[in-house]
Amino acid sequence: MEWLNPKIQGWRNYYYTNYSQKRLAKLDWYILQRLTRWYAKKRQRRRWMSSLPEVKYIAKMYGLRTLL
């Protein structure tokens, strides 16, 4: 999270406008999806979607920033 948060904040500062919110929402989903797939692989789970609530909780607990 320490490495990822400055990157996300920089993208938000540079790309955020009233018209870019739909694309930034897709990027938020992509970041969360990649973290979830990594977490599921680490835990040796076949279905990555079952890990999504767990990863959302962990991301919120550690303060992962979002683009929106």
N, C-alpha and C. Protein backbone atom coordinates (compact mmCIF):
# COMPACT_ATOMS: atom_id res chain seq x y z
N MET A 1 0.81 -1.18 0.00
CA MET A 1 0.00 0.00 0.00
C MET A 1 0.87 1.26 0.00
N GLU A 2 2.00 1.19 0.68
CA GLU A 2 2.90 2.35 0.71
C GLU A 2 3.41 2.70 -0.67
N TRP A 3 3.63 1.69 -1.51
CA TRP A 3 4.13 1.92 -2.85
C TRP A 3 3.00 2.33 -3.80
N LEU A 4 1.82 1.73 -3.60
CA LEU A 4 0.72 1.93 -4.53
C LEU A 4 -0.04 3.24 -4.31
N ASN A 5 -0.21 3.67 -3.08
CA ASN A 5 -0.99 4.89 -2.80
C ASN A 5 -0.44 6.15 -3.48
N PRO A 6 0.86 6.42 -3.47
CA PRO A 6 1.35 7.62 -4.18
C PRO A 6 1.09 7.56 -5.68
N LYS A 7 1.16 6.37 -6.26
CA LYS A 7 0.88 6.21 -7.70
C LYS A 7 -0.58 6.55 -8.00
N ILE A 8 -1.48 6.01 -7.18
CA ILE A 8 -2.91 6.26 -7.38
C ILE A 8 -3.22 7.75 -7.18
N GLN A 9 -2.63 8.36 -6.16
CA GLN A 9 -2.87 9.79 -5.90
C GLN A 9 -2.36 10.64 -7.06
N GLY A 10 -1.22 10.29 -7.62
CA GLY A 10 -0.69 11.02 -8.76
C GLY A 10 -1.58 10.91 -9.99
N TRP A 11 -2.08 9.72 -10.27
CA TRP A 11 -3.01 9.54 -11.39
C TRP A 11 -4.27 10.36 -11.16
N ARG A 12 -4.76 10.35 -9.92
CA ARG A 12 -5.99 11.10 -9.62
C ARG A 12 -5.76 12.59 -9.81
N ASN A 13 -4.66 13.10 -9.34
CA ASN A 13 -4.38 14.53 -9.48
C ASN A 13 -4.23 14.94 -10.95
N TYR A 14 -3.68 14.07 -11.76
CA TYR A 14 -3.42 14.41 -13.15
C TYR A 14 -4.64 14.23 -14.05
N TYR A 15 -5.39 13.13 -13.85
CA TYR A 15 -6.44 12.76 -14.78
C TYR A 15 -7.86 13.10 -14.34
N TYR A 16 -8.08 13.54 -13.11
CA TYR A 16 -9.44 13.73 -12.60
C TYR A 16 -10.10 14.96 -13.20
N THR A 17 -11.20 14.75 -13.90
CA THR A 17 -12.07 15.82 -14.38
C THR A 17 -13.51 15.34 -14.25
N ASN A 18 -14.45 16.20 -14.58
CA ASN A 18 -15.86 15.79 -14.54
C ASN A 18 -16.17 14.73 -15.58
N TYR A 19 -15.42 14.71 -16.66
CA TYR A 19 -15.69 13.80 -17.77
C TYR A 19 -14.95 12.47 -17.65
N SER A 20 -13.99 12.39 -16.78
CA SER A 20 -13.15 11.18 -16.71
C SER A 20 -13.58 10.21 -15.63
N GLN A 21 -14.66 10.47 -14.94
CA GLN A 21 -15.04 9.64 -13.80
C GLN A 21 -15.38 8.20 -14.20
N LYS A 22 -15.98 8.01 -15.35
CA LYS A 22 -16.33 6.66 -15.79
C LYS A 22 -15.07 5.83 -16.04
N ARG A 23 -14.08 6.44 -16.66
CA ARG A 23 -12.83 5.72 -16.93
C ARG A 23 -12.04 5.46 -15.64
N LEU A 24 -12.06 6.42 -14.73
CA LEU A 24 -11.36 6.22 -13.47
C LEU A 24 -12.03 5.13 -12.64
N ALA A 25 -13.35 5.01 -12.74
CA ALA A 25 -14.05 3.93 -12.04
C ALA A 25 -13.61 2.57 -12.59
N LYS A 26 -13.40 2.49 -13.90
CA LYS A 26 -12.91 1.25 -14.49
C LYS A 26 -11.49 0.94 -14.02
N LEU A 27 -10.67 1.96 -13.89
CA LEU A 27 -9.31 1.74 -13.38
C LEU A 27 -9.32 1.31 -11.92
N ASP A 28 -10.23 1.88 -11.13
CA ASP A 28 -10.38 1.44 -9.74
C ASP A 28 -10.73 -0.05 -9.68
N TRP A 29 -11.68 -0.45 -10.53
CA TRP A 29 -12.08 -1.86 -10.57
C TRP A 29 -10.90 -2.73 -10.99
N TYR A 30 -10.12 -2.26 -11.98
CA TYR A 30 -8.98 -3.04 -12.46
C TYR A 30 -7.94 -3.23 -11.34
N ILE A 31 -7.65 -2.19 -10.59
CA ILE A 31 -6.69 -2.29 -9.48
C ILE A 31 -7.18 -3.29 -8.44
N LEU A 32 -8.45 -3.19 -8.07
CA LEU A 32 -9.01 -4.11 -7.08
C LEU A 32 -9.04 -5.55 -7.62
N GLN A 33 -9.34 -5.69 -8.89
CA GLN A 33 -9.36 -7.02 -9.50
C GLN A 33 -7.97 -7.65 -9.48
N ARG A 34 -6.94 -6.89 -9.84
CA ARG A 34 -5.59 -7.43 -9.87
C ARG A 34 -5.12 -7.81 -8.46
N LEU A 35 -5.45 -6.98 -7.47
CA LEU A 35 -5.09 -7.32 -6.09
C LEU A 35 -5.81 -8.59 -5.65
N THR A 36 -7.06 -8.74 -6.03
CA THR A 36 -7.83 -9.92 -5.64
C THR A 36 -7.28 -11.17 -6.31
N ARG A 37 -6.92 -11.08 -7.58
CA ARG A 37 -6.36 -12.25 -8.26
C ARG A 37 -5.02 -12.65 -7.64
N TRP A 38 -4.20 -11.66 -7.28
CA TRP A 38 -2.93 -11.96 -6.63
C TRP A 38 -3.17 -12.63 -5.28
N TYR A 39 -4.11 -12.11 -4.51
CA TYR A 39 -4.42 -12.65 -3.20
C TYR A 39 -4.95 -14.08 -3.30
N ALA A 40 -5.83 -14.32 -4.28
CA ALA A 40 -6.38 -15.66 -4.46
C ALA A 40 -5.29 -16.66 -4.86
N LYS A 41 -4.38 -16.22 -5.69
CA LYS A 41 -3.28 -17.10 -6.09
C LYS A 41 -2.36 -17.39 -4.90
N LYS A 42 -2.13 -16.38 -4.09
CA LYS A 42 -1.29 -16.56 -2.90
C LYS A 42 -1.93 -17.55 -1.93
N ARG A 43 -3.27 -17.50 -1.81
CA ARG A 43 -4.00 -18.39 -0.91
C ARG A 43 -4.40 -19.70 -1.57
N GLN A 44 -4.00 -19.90 -2.83
CA GLN A 44 -4.26 -21.11 -3.60
C GLN A 44 -5.76 -21.39 -3.72
N ARG A 45 -6.49 -20.37 -4.12
CA ARG A 45 -7.93 -20.52 -4.35
C ARG A 45 -8.20 -20.57 -5.84
N ARG A 46 -9.13 -21.39 -6.22
CA ARG A 46 -9.44 -21.53 -7.64
C ARG A 46 -10.24 -20.35 -8.16
N ARG A 47 -11.21 -19.90 -7.41
CA ARG A 47 -12.08 -18.82 -7.86
C ARG A 47 -11.68 -17.52 -7.17
N TRP A 48 -11.23 -16.57 -7.95
CA TRP A 48 -10.74 -15.32 -7.38
C TRP A 48 -11.86 -14.43 -6.87
N MET A 49 -13.07 -14.54 -7.42
CA MET A 49 -14.18 -13.68 -6.99
C MET A 49 -14.58 -13.97 -5.54
N SER A 50 -14.33 -15.16 -5.06
CA SER A 50 -14.68 -15.47 -3.68
C SER A 50 -13.79 -14.72 -2.69
N SER A 51 -12.65 -14.22 -3.17
CA SER A 51 -11.73 -13.47 -2.31
C SER A 51 -12.01 -11.98 -2.33
N LEU A 52 -12.92 -11.52 -3.17
CA LEU A 52 -13.16 -10.10 -3.34
C LEU A 52 -13.59 -9.39 -2.06
N PRO A 53 -14.56 -9.89 -1.29
CA PRO A 53 -14.93 -9.19 -0.05
C PRO A 53 -13.77 -9.10 0.94
N GLU A 54 -12.99 -10.15 0.99
CA GLU A 54 -11.83 -10.18 1.89
C GLU A 54 -10.80 -9.11 1.50
N VAL A 55 -10.53 -9.00 0.20
CA VAL A 55 -9.56 -8.03 -0.29
C VAL A 55 -10.08 -6.60 -0.10
N LYS A 56 -11.37 -6.39 -0.30
CA LYS A 56 -11.96 -5.06 -0.06
C LYS A 56 -11.76 -4.65 1.39
N TYR A 57 -11.98 -5.59 2.31
CA TYR A 57 -11.81 -5.30 3.72
C TYR A 57 -10.35 -4.98 4.04
N ILE A 58 -9.43 -5.76 3.51
CA ILE A 58 -8.01 -5.55 3.75
C ILE A 58 -7.56 -4.21 3.17
N ALA A 59 -8.04 -3.89 1.97
CA ALA A 59 -7.68 -2.62 1.33
C ALA A 59 -8.18 -1.44 2.15
N LYS A 60 -9.39 -1.56 2.67
CA LYS A 60 -9.95 -0.48 3.50
C LYS A 60 -9.19 -0.37 4.82
N MET A 61 -8.82 -1.50 5.38
CA MET A 61 -8.10 -1.51 6.66
C MET A 61 -6.73 -0.86 6.54
N TYR A 62 -6.04 -1.10 5.42
CA TYR A 62 -4.72 -0.55 5.22
C TYR A 62 -4.70 0.79 4.50
N GLY A 63 -5.88 1.30 4.15
CA GLY A 63 -5.97 2.66 3.61
C GLY A 63 -5.62 2.79 2.15
N LEU A 64 -6.03 1.82 1.33
CA LEU A 64 -5.78 1.94 -0.12
C LEU A 64 -6.63 3.07 -0.68
N ARG A 65 -6.01 3.97 -1.41
CA ARG A 65 -6.72 5.09 -2.01
C ARG A 65 -7.42 4.64 -3.28
N THR A 66 -8.42 5.41 -3.69
CA THR A 66 -9.12 5.14 -4.93
C THR A 66 -9.00 6.36 -5.83
N LEU A 67 -9.31 6.16 -7.10
CA LEU A 67 -9.22 7.25 -8.06
C LEU A 67 -10.44 8.17 -8.00
N LEU A 68 -11.53 7.72 -7.44
CA LEU A 68 -12.74 8.55 -7.36
C LEU A 68 -12.96 9.10 -5.99
